[in-house]
Amino acid sequence: MPVEFKTPSLYKLIRHPLYAGLLLAFWAIPAMTGAHLVFALMTTAYILIAIRLEERDLIVQHPEYAAYRRRVPMLVPVPSSRRSA
């Protein structure tokens, strides 16, 4: 049974709010040690690769995702006046 494509709450502002929250948690630390820096860099790379693969599958499953992808920023919300320009 196909799943309907929806964009509730935060998904209207950014495409990947869960990933954005994780990245914020990994990078917003008061004392960045070398080990934590390596962890944050590697996790960021992993998340960016995961987003690319996930979006590729979403476009296949939900053709309307391509328009959503063009309209909504990936991780950082952008004011609507800037997006439409």
PDB file of N, CA and C in Angstrom:
ATOM      1  N   MET A   1       0.840  -1.181   0.000  1.00  0.00           N
ATOM      2  CA  MET A   1       0.000   0.000   0.000  1.00  0.00           C
ATOM      3  C   MET A   1       0.886   1.246   0.000  1.00  0.00           C
ATOM      4  N   PRO A   2       0.742   2.121  -0.997  1.00  0.00           N
ATOM      5  CA  PRO A   2       1.577   3.324  -1.080  1.00  0.00           C
ATOM      6  C   PRO A   2       1.284   4.295   0.058  1.00  0.00           C
ATOM      7  N   VAL A   3       2.338   4.958   0.488  1.00  0.00           N
ATOM      8  CA  VAL A   3       2.239   5.956   1.549  1.00  0.00           C
ATOM      9  C   VAL A   3       2.055   7.323   0.897  1.00  0.00           C
ATOM     10  N   GLU A   4       1.132   8.104   1.431  1.00  0.00           N
ATOM     11  CA  GLU A   4       0.870   9.446   0.910  1.00  0.00           C
ATOM     12  C   GLU A   4       2.010  10.386   1.295  1.00  0.00           C
ATOM     13  N   PHE A   5       2.390  11.259   0.364  1.00  0.00           N
ATOM     14  CA  PHE A   5       3.435  12.255   0.629  1.00  0.00           C
ATOM     15  C   PHE A   5       2.821  13.443   1.345  1.00  0.00           C
ATOM     16  N   LYS A   6       3.317  13.763   2.539  1.00  0.00           N
ATOM     17  CA  LYS A   6       2.814  14.882   3.339  1.00  0.00           C
ATOM     18  C   LYS A   6       3.988  15.734   3.810  1.00  0.00           C
ATOM     19  N   THR A   7       3.696  16.999   4.104  1.00  0.00           N
ATOM     20  CA  THR A   7       4.706  17.902   4.661  1.00  0.00           C
ATOM     21  C   THR A   7       4.146  18.590   5.903  1.00  0.00           C
ATOM     22  N   PRO A   8       4.092  17.879   7.032  1.00  0.00           N
ATOM     23  CA  PRO A   8       3.565  18.480   8.257  1.00  0.00           C
ATOM     24  C   PRO A   8       4.589  19.387   8.942  1.00  0.00           C
ATOM     25  N   SER A   9       4.119  20.282   9.756  1.00  0.00           N
ATOM     26  CA  SER A   9       4.869  21.168  10.657  1.00  0.00           C
ATOM     27  C   SER A   9       6.225  21.621  10.124  1.00  0.00           C
ATOM     28  N   LEU A  10       7.310  21.160  10.725  1.00  0.00           N
ATOM     29  CA  LEU A  10       8.649  21.646  10.365  1.00  0.00           C
ATOM     30  C   LEU A  10       9.058  21.301   8.931  1.00  0.00           C
ATOM     31  N   TYR A  11       8.431  20.291   8.353  1.00  0.00           N
ATOM     32  CA  TYR A  11       8.769  19.894   6.984  1.00  0.00           C
ATOM     33  C   TYR A  11       8.341  20.958   5.961  1.00  0.00           C
ATOM     34  N   LYS A  12       7.560  21.939   6.394  1.00  0.00           N
ATOM     35  CA  LYS A  12       7.233  23.064   5.510  1.00  0.00           C
ATOM     36  C   LYS A  12       8.374  24.078   5.463  1.00  0.00           C
ATOM     37  N   LEU A  13       9.252  24.046   6.474  1.00  0.00           N
ATOM     38  CA  LEU A  13      10.378  24.987   6.552  1.00  0.00           C
ATOM     39  C   LEU A  13      11.675  24.399   6.024  1.00  0.00           C
ATOM     40  N   ILE A  14      11.945  23.134   6.379  1.00  0.00           N
ATOM     41  CA  ILE A  14      13.151  22.443   5.905  1.00  0.00           C
ATOM     42  C   ILE A  14      12.795  20.986   5.601  1.00  0.00           C
ATOM     43  N   ARG A  15      13.512  20.400   4.656  1.00  0.00           N
ATOM     44  CA  ARG A  15      13.193  19.038   4.234  1.00  0.00           C
ATOM     45  C   ARG A  15      13.608  17.985   5.246  1.00  0.00           C
ATOM     46  N   HIS A  16      14.622  18.252   6.052  1.00  0.00           N
ATOM     47  CA  HIS A  16      15.149  17.238   6.960  1.00  0.00           C
ATOM     48  C   HIS A  16      15.327  17.788   8.376  1.00  0.00           C
ATOM     49  N   PRO A  17      14.225  18.060   9.081  1.00  0.00           N
ATOM     50  CA  PRO A  17      14.353  18.648  10.419  1.00  0.00           C
ATOM     51  C   PRO A  17      15.039  17.724  11.430  1.00  0.00           C
ATOM     52  N   LEU A  18      14.867  16.426  11.319  1.00  0.00           N
ATOM     53  CA  LEU A  18      15.542  15.512  12.254  1.00  0.00           C
ATOM     54  C   LEU A  18      17.055  15.545  12.056  1.00  0.00           C
ATOM     55  N   TYR A  19      17.489  15.511  10.820  1.00  0.00           N
ATOM     56  CA  TYR A  19      18.927  15.597  10.546  1.00  0.00           C
ATOM     57  C   TYR A  19      19.480  16.956  10.985  1.00  0.00           C
ATOM     58  N   ALA A  20      18.713  18.017  10.754  1.00  0.00           N
ATOM     59  CA  ALA A  20      19.155  19.354  11.168  1.00  0.00           C
ATOM     60  C   ALA A  20      19.329  19.419  12.678  1.00  0.00           C
ATOM     61  N   GLY A  21      18.405  18.811  13.419  1.00  0.00           N
ATOM     62  CA  GLY A  21      18.516  18.781  14.876  1.00  0.00           C
ATOM     63  C   GLY A  21      19.727  18.005  15.333  1.00  0.00           C
ATOM     64  N   LEU A  22      20.002  16.887  14.684  1.00  0.00           N
ATOM     65  CA  LEU A  22      21.195  16.107  15.028  1.00  0.00           C
ATOM     66  C   LEU A  22      22.467  16.902  14.762  1.00  0.00           C
ATOM     67  N   LEU A  23      22.528  17.555  13.613  1.00  0.00           N
ATOM     68  CA  LEU A  23      23.719  18.352  13.297  1.00  0.00           C
ATOM     69  C   LEU A  23      23.903  19.489  14.292  1.00  0.00           C
ATOM     70  N   LEU A  24      22.815  20.126  14.669  1.00  0.00           N
ATOM     71  CA  LEU A  24      22.898  21.182  15.676  1.00  0.00           C
ATOM     72  C   LEU A  24      23.442  20.624  16.989  1.00  0.00           C
ATOM     73  N   ALA A  25      22.967  19.469  17.385  1.00  0.00           N
ATOM     74  CA  ALA A  25      23.436  18.857  18.633  1.00  0.00           C
ATOM     75  C   ALA A  25      24.919  18.480  18.552  1.00  0.00           C
ATOM     76  N   PHE A  26      25.363  18.006  17.403  1.00  0.00           N
ATOM     77  CA  PHE A  26      26.766  17.597  17.261  1.00  0.00           C
ATOM     78  C   PHE A  26      27.717  18.787  17.229  1.00  0.00           C
ATOM     79  N   TRP A  27      27.282  19.925  16.675  1.00  0.00           N
ATOM     80  CA  TRP A  27      28.162  21.075  16.505  1.00  0.00           C
ATOM     81  C   TRP A  27      28.025  22.129  17.591  1.00  0.00           C
ATOM     82  N   ALA A  28      26.911  22.186  18.285  1.00  0.00           N
ATOM     83  CA  ALA A  28      26.689  23.205  19.320  1.00  0.00           C
ATOM     84  C   ALA A  28      27.163  22.679  20.665  1.00  0.00           C
ATOM     85  N   ILE A  29      28.454  22.677  20.846  1.00  0.00           N
ATOM     86  CA  ILE A  29      29.048  22.175  22.081  1.00  0.00           C
ATOM     87  C   ILE A  29      29.983  23.259  22.623  1.00  0.00           C
ATOM     88  N   PRO A  30      29.964  23.491  23.920  1.00  0.00           N
ATOM     89  CA  PRO A  30      30.774  24.583  24.467  1.00  0.00           C
ATOM     90  C   PRO A  30      32.289  24.366  24.345  1.00  0.00           C
ATOM     91  N   ALA A  31      32.744  23.138  24.451  1.00  0.00           N
ATOM     92  CA  ALA A  31      34.186  22.867  24.364  1.00  0.00           C
ATOM     93  C   ALA A  31      34.406  21.761  23.328  1.00  0.00           C
ATOM     94  N   MET A  32      34.906  22.172  22.166  1.00  0.00           N
ATOM     95  CA  MET A  32      35.122  21.212  21.078  1.00  0.00           C
ATOM     96  C   MET A  32      36.494  20.572  21.230  1.00  0.00           C
ATOM     97  N   THR A  33      36.517  19.291  21.566  1.00  0.00           N
ATOM     98  CA  THR A  33      37.781  18.559  21.644  1.00  0.00           C
ATOM     99  C   THR A  33      38.119  18.026  20.265  1.00  0.00           C
ATOM    100  N   GLY A  34      39.322  17.562  20.102  1.00  0.00           N
ATOM    101  CA  GLY A  34      39.725  16.974  18.823  1.00  0.00           C
ATOM    102  C   GLY A  34      38.875  15.765  18.469  1.00  0.00           C
ATOM    103  N   ALA A  35      38.626  14.927  19.460  1.00  0.00           N
ATOM    104  CA  ALA A  35      37.815  13.726  19.222  1.00  0.00           C
ATOM    105  C   ALA A  35      36.388  14.103  18.827  1.00  0.00           C
ATOM    106  N   HIS A  36      35.833  15.106  19.493  1.00  0.00           N
ATOM    107  CA  HIS A  36      34.467  15.509  19.151  1.00  0.00           C
ATOM    108  C   HIS A  36      34.435  16.159  17.771  1.00  0.00           C
ATOM    109  N   LEU A  37      35.472  16.885  17.405  1.00  0.00           N
ATOM    110  CA  LEU A  37      35.543  17.480  16.074  1.00  0.00           C
ATOM    111  C   LEU A  37      35.528  16.396  15.000  1.00  0.00           C
ATOM    112  N   VAL A  38      36.337  15.364  15.182  1.00  0.00           N
ATOM    113  CA  VAL A  38      36.366  14.251  14.222  1.00  0.00           C
ATOM    114  C   VAL A  38      34.991  13.587  14.163  1.00  0.00           C
ATOM    115  N   PHE A  39      34.382  13.369  15.329  1.00  0.00           N
ATOM    116  CA  PHE A  39      33.041  12.776  15.383  1.00  0.00           C
ATOM    117  C   PHE A  39      32.038  13.640  14.626  1.00  0.00           C
ATOM    118  N   ALA A  40      32.051  14.953  14.871  1.00  0.00           N
ATOM    119  CA  ALA A  40      31.107  15.857  14.221  1.00  0.00           C
ATOM    120  C   ALA A  40      31.323  15.886  12.704  1.00  0.00           C
ATOM    121  N   LEU A  41      32.564  15.919  12.277  1.00  0.00           N
ATOM    122  CA  LEU A  41      32.864  15.920  10.840  1.00  0.00           C
ATOM    123  C   LEU A  41      32.398  14.633  10.167  1.00  0.00           C
ATOM    124  N   MET A  42      32.710  13.498  10.776  1.00  0.00           N
ATOM    125  CA  MET A  42      32.336  12.205  10.182  1.00  0.00           C
ATOM    126  C   MET A  42      30.820  12.015  10.176  1.00  0.00           C
ATOM    127  N   THR A  43      30.167  12.424  11.249  1.00  0.00           N
ATOM    128  CA  THR A  43      28.713  12.290  11.320  1.00  0.00           C
ATOM    129  C   THR A  43      28.041  13.219  10.320  1.00  0.00           C
ATOM    130  N   THR A  44      28.570  14.410  10.155  1.00  0.00           N
ATOM    131  CA  THR A  44      28.030  15.345   9.163  1.00  0.00           C
ATOM    132  C   THR A  44      28.153  14.762   7.764  1.00  0.00           C
ATOM    133  N   ALA A  45      29.308  14.208   7.442  1.00  0.00           N
ATOM    134  CA  ALA A  45      29.496  13.579   6.130  1.00  0.00           C
ATOM    135  C   ALA A  45      28.511  12.427   5.935  1.00  0.00           C
ATOM    136  N   TYR A  46      28.352  11.607   6.964  1.00  0.00           N
ATOM    137  CA  TYR A  46      27.419  10.479   6.896  1.00  0.00           C
ATOM    138  C   TYR A  46      25.995  10.964   6.648  1.00  0.00           C
ATOM    139  N   ILE A  47      25.576  12.009   7.361  1.00  0.00           N
ATOM    140  CA  ILE A  47      24.220  12.534   7.210  1.00  0.00           C
ATOM    141  C   ILE A  47      24.018  13.119   5.814  1.00  0.00           C
ATOM    142  N   LEU A  48      24.994  13.844   5.295  1.00  0.00           N
ATOM    143  CA  LEU A  48      24.863  14.427   3.958  1.00  0.00           C
ATOM    144  C   LEU A  48      24.761  13.344   2.884  1.00  0.00           C
ATOM    145  N   ILE A  49      25.506  12.263   3.047  1.00  0.00           N
ATOM    146  CA  ILE A  49      25.406  11.135   2.108  1.00  0.00           C
ATOM    147  C   ILE A  49      24.045  10.470   2.246  1.00  0.00           C
ATOM    148  N   ALA A  50      23.585  10.288   3.476  1.00  0.00           N
ATOM    149  CA  ALA A  50      22.277   9.668   3.718  1.00  0.00           C
ATOM    150  C   ALA A  50      21.155  10.497   3.099  1.00  0.00           C
ATOM    151  N   ILE A  51      21.250  11.819   3.213  1.00  0.00           N
ATOM    152  CA  ILE A  51      20.225  12.689   2.623  1.00  0.00           C
ATOM    153  C   ILE A  51      20.186  12.506   1.118  1.00  0.00           C
ATOM    154  N   ARG A  52      21.347  12.462   0.503  1.00  0.00           N
ATOM    155  CA  ARG A  52      21.409  12.298  -0.961  1.00  0.00           C
ATOM    156  C   ARG A  52      20.753  10.981  -1.392  1.00  0.00           C
ATOM    157  N   LEU A  53      21.063   9.900  -0.689  1.00  0.00           N
ATOM    158  CA  LEU A  53      20.491   8.595  -1.031  1.00  0.00           C
ATOM    159  C   LEU A  53      18.990   8.550  -0.730  1.00  0.00           C
ATOM    160  N   GLU A  54      18.594   9.115   0.394  1.00  0.00           N
ATOM    161  CA  GLU A  54      17.183   9.125   0.773  1.00  0.00           C
ATOM    162  C   GLU A  54      16.356   9.924  -0.225  1.00  0.00           C
ATOM    163  N   GLU A  55      16.856  11.087  -0.625  1.00  0.00           N
ATOM    164  CA  GLU A  55      16.108  11.914  -1.570  1.00  0.00           C
ATOM    165  C   GLU A  55      16.009  11.254  -2.940  1.00  0.00           C
ATOM    166  N   ARG A  56      17.027  10.533  -3.336  1.00  0.00           N
ATOM    167  CA  ARG A  56      16.960   9.807  -4.609  1.00  0.00           C
ATOM    168  C   ARG A  56      15.811   8.804  -4.585  1.00  0.00           C
ATOM    169  N   ASP A  57      15.679   8.080  -3.477  1.00  0.00           N
ATOM    170  CA  ASP A  57      14.585   7.114  -3.341  1.00  0.00           C
ATOM    171  C   ASP A  57      13.227   7.801  -3.230  1.00  0.00           C
ATOM    172  N   LEU A  58      13.176   8.941  -2.539  1.00  0.00           N
ATOM    173  CA  LEU A  58      11.912   9.666  -2.389  1.00  0.00           C
ATOM    174  C   LEU A  58      11.389  10.178  -3.725  1.00  0.00           C
ATOM    175  N   ILE A  59      12.274  10.613  -4.601  1.00  0.00           N
ATOM    176  CA  ILE A  59      11.844  11.092  -5.917  1.00  0.00           C
ATOM    177  C   ILE A  59      11.239   9.943  -6.728  1.00  0.00           C
ATOM    178  N   VAL A  60      11.788   8.749  -6.578  1.00  0.00           N
ATOM    179  CA  VAL A  60      11.245   7.587  -7.279  1.00  0.00           C
ATOM    180  C   VAL A  60       9.877   7.215  -6.704  1.00  0.00           C
ATOM    181  N   GLN A  61       9.762   7.195  -5.380  1.00  0.00           N
ATOM    182  CA  GLN A  61       8.521   6.806  -4.708  1.00  0.00           C
ATOM    183  C   GLN A  61       7.423   7.865  -4.834  1.00  0.00           C
ATOM    184  N   HIS A  62       7.807   9.134  -4.790  1.00  0.00           N
ATOM    185  CA  HIS A  62       6.858  10.255  -4.799  1.00  0.00           C
ATOM    186  C   HIS A  62       7.325  11.294  -5.816  1.00  0.00           C
ATOM    187  N   PRO A  63       6.810  11.267  -7.027  1.00  0.00           N
ATOM    188  CA  PRO A  63       7.241  12.232  -8.049  1.00  0.00           C
ATOM    189  C   PRO A  63       7.073  13.690  -7.610  1.00  0.00           C
ATOM    190  N   GLU A  64       6.105  13.980  -6.726  1.00  0.00           N
ATOM    191  CA  GLU A  64       5.898  15.356  -6.267  1.00  0.00           C
ATOM    192  C   GLU A  64       7.022  15.834  -5.350  1.00  0.00           C
ATOM    193  N   TYR A  65       7.880  14.922  -4.917  1.00  0.00           N
ATOM    194  CA  TYR A  65       9.001  15.306  -4.052  1.00  0.00           C
ATOM    195  C   TYR A  65       9.981  16.227  -4.782  1.00  0.00           C
ATOM    196  N   ALA A  66      10.103  16.086  -6.086  1.00  0.00           N
ATOM    197  CA  ALA A  66      11.034  16.928  -6.858  1.00  0.00           C
ATOM    198  C   ALA A  66      10.644  18.409  -6.737  1.00  0.00           C
ATOM    199  N   ALA A  67       9.353  18.715  -6.842  1.00  0.00           N
ATOM    200  CA  ALA A  67       8.896  20.099  -6.689  1.00  0.00           C
ATOM    201  C   ALA A  67       9.086  20.568  -5.251  1.00  0.00           C
ATOM    202  N   TYR A  68       8.808  19.705  -4.302  1.00  0.00           N
ATOM    203  CA  TYR A  68       9.019  20.021  -2.881  1.00  0.00           C
ATOM    204  C   TYR A  68      10.488  20.329  -2.628  1.00  0.00           C
ATOM    205  N   ARG A  69      11.360  19.545  -3.243  1.00  0.00           N
ATOM    206  CA  ARG A  69      12.812  19.722  -3.086  1.00  0.00           C
ATOM    207  C   ARG A  69      13.267  21.076  -3.621  1.00  0.00           C
ATOM    208  N   ARG A  70      12.687  21.515  -4.720  1.00  0.00           N
ATOM    209  CA  ARG A  70      13.041  22.823  -5.289  1.00  0.00           C
ATOM    210  C   ARG A  70      12.504  23.972  -4.424  1.00  0.00           C
ATOM    211  N   ARG A  71      11.387  23.748  -3.757  1.00  0.00           N
ATOM    212  CA  ARG A  71      10.701  24.792  -3.004  1.00  0.00           C
ATOM    213  C   ARG A  71      11.205  24.954  -1.569  1.00  0.00           C
ATOM    214  N   VAL A  72      11.666  23.873  -0.939  1.00  0.00           N
ATOM    215  CA  VAL A  72      12.000  23.888   0.486  1.00  0.00           C
ATOM    216  C   VAL A  72      13.492  23.601   0.671  1.00  0.00           C
ATOM    217  N   PRO A  73      14.195  24.428   1.476  1.00  0.00           N
ATOM    218  CA  PRO A  73      15.627  24.204   1.698  1.00  0.00           C
ATOM    219  C   PRO A  73      15.893  22.899   2.459  1.00  0.00           C
ATOM    220  N   MET A  74      17.095  22.375   2.303  1.00  0.00           N
ATOM    221  CA  MET A  74      17.435  21.065   2.863  1.00  0.00           C
ATOM    222  C   MET A  74      17.560  21.081   4.379  1.00  0.00           C
ATOM    223  N   LEU A  75      18.422  21.912   4.950  1.00  0.00           N
ATOM    224  CA  LEU A  75      18.711  21.857   6.381  1.00  0.00           C
ATOM    225  C   LEU A  75      18.563  23.183   7.122  1.00  0.00           C
ATOM    226  N   VAL A  76      18.707  24.292   6.421  1.00  0.00           N
ATOM    227  CA  VAL A  76      18.671  25.605   7.066  1.00  0.00           C
ATOM    228  C   VAL A  76      17.489  26.392   6.514  1.00  0.00           C
ATOM    229  N   PRO A  77      16.547  26.804   7.374  1.00  0.00           N
ATOM    230  CA  PRO A  77      15.404  27.571   6.894  1.00  0.00           C
ATOM    231  C   PRO A  77      15.848  28.898   6.278  1.00  0.00           C
ATOM    232  N   VAL A  78      15.237  29.248   5.174  1.00  0.00           N
ATOM    233  CA  VAL A  78      15.534  30.501   4.483  1.00  0.00           C
ATOM    234  C   VAL A  78      14.242  31.304   4.438  1.00  0.00           C
ATOM    235  N   PRO A  79      14.294  32.591   4.752  1.00  0.00           N
ATOM    236  CA  PRO A  79      13.058  33.403   4.671  1.00  0.00           C
ATOM    237  C   PRO A  79      12.424  33.289   3.293  1.00  0.00           C
ATOM    238  N   SER A  80      11.118  33.256   3.251  1.00  0.00           N
ATOM    239  CA  SER A  80      10.402  33.020   2.000  1.00  0.00           C
ATOM    240  C   SER A  80      10.677  34.063   0.928  1.00  0.00           C
ATOM    241  N   SER A  81      10.947  35.315   1.313  1.00  0.00           N
ATOM    242  CA  SER A  81      11.241  36.344   0.318  1.00  0.00           C
ATOM    243  C   SER A  81      12.533  36.041  -0.431  1.00  0.00           C
ATOM    244  N   ARG A  82      13.501  35.436   0.261  1.00  0.00           N
ATOM    245  CA  ARG A  82      14.763  35.062  -0.392  1.00  0.00           C
ATOM    246  C   ARG A  82      14.587  33.844  -1.273  1.00  0.00           C
ATOM    247  N   ARG A  83      13.761  32.905  -0.857  1.00  0.00           N
ATOM    248  CA  ARG A  83      13.536  31.691  -1.631  1.00  0.00           C
ATOM    249  C   ARG A  83      12.878  31.983  -2.966  1.00  0.00           C
ATOM    250  N   SER A  84      11.941  32.928  -2.988  1.00  0.00           N
ATOM    251  CA  SER A  84      11.203  33.196  -4.215  1.00  0.00           C
ATOM    252  C   SER A  84      12.005  34.010  -5.218  1.00  0.00           C
ATOM    253  N   ALA A  85      13.085  34.623  -4.778  1.00  0.00           N
ATOM    254  CA  ALA A  85      13.889  35.466  -5.681  1.00  0.00           C
ATOM    255  C   ALA A  85      14.710  34.634  -6.636  1.00  0.00           C
TER     256      ALA A  85
END
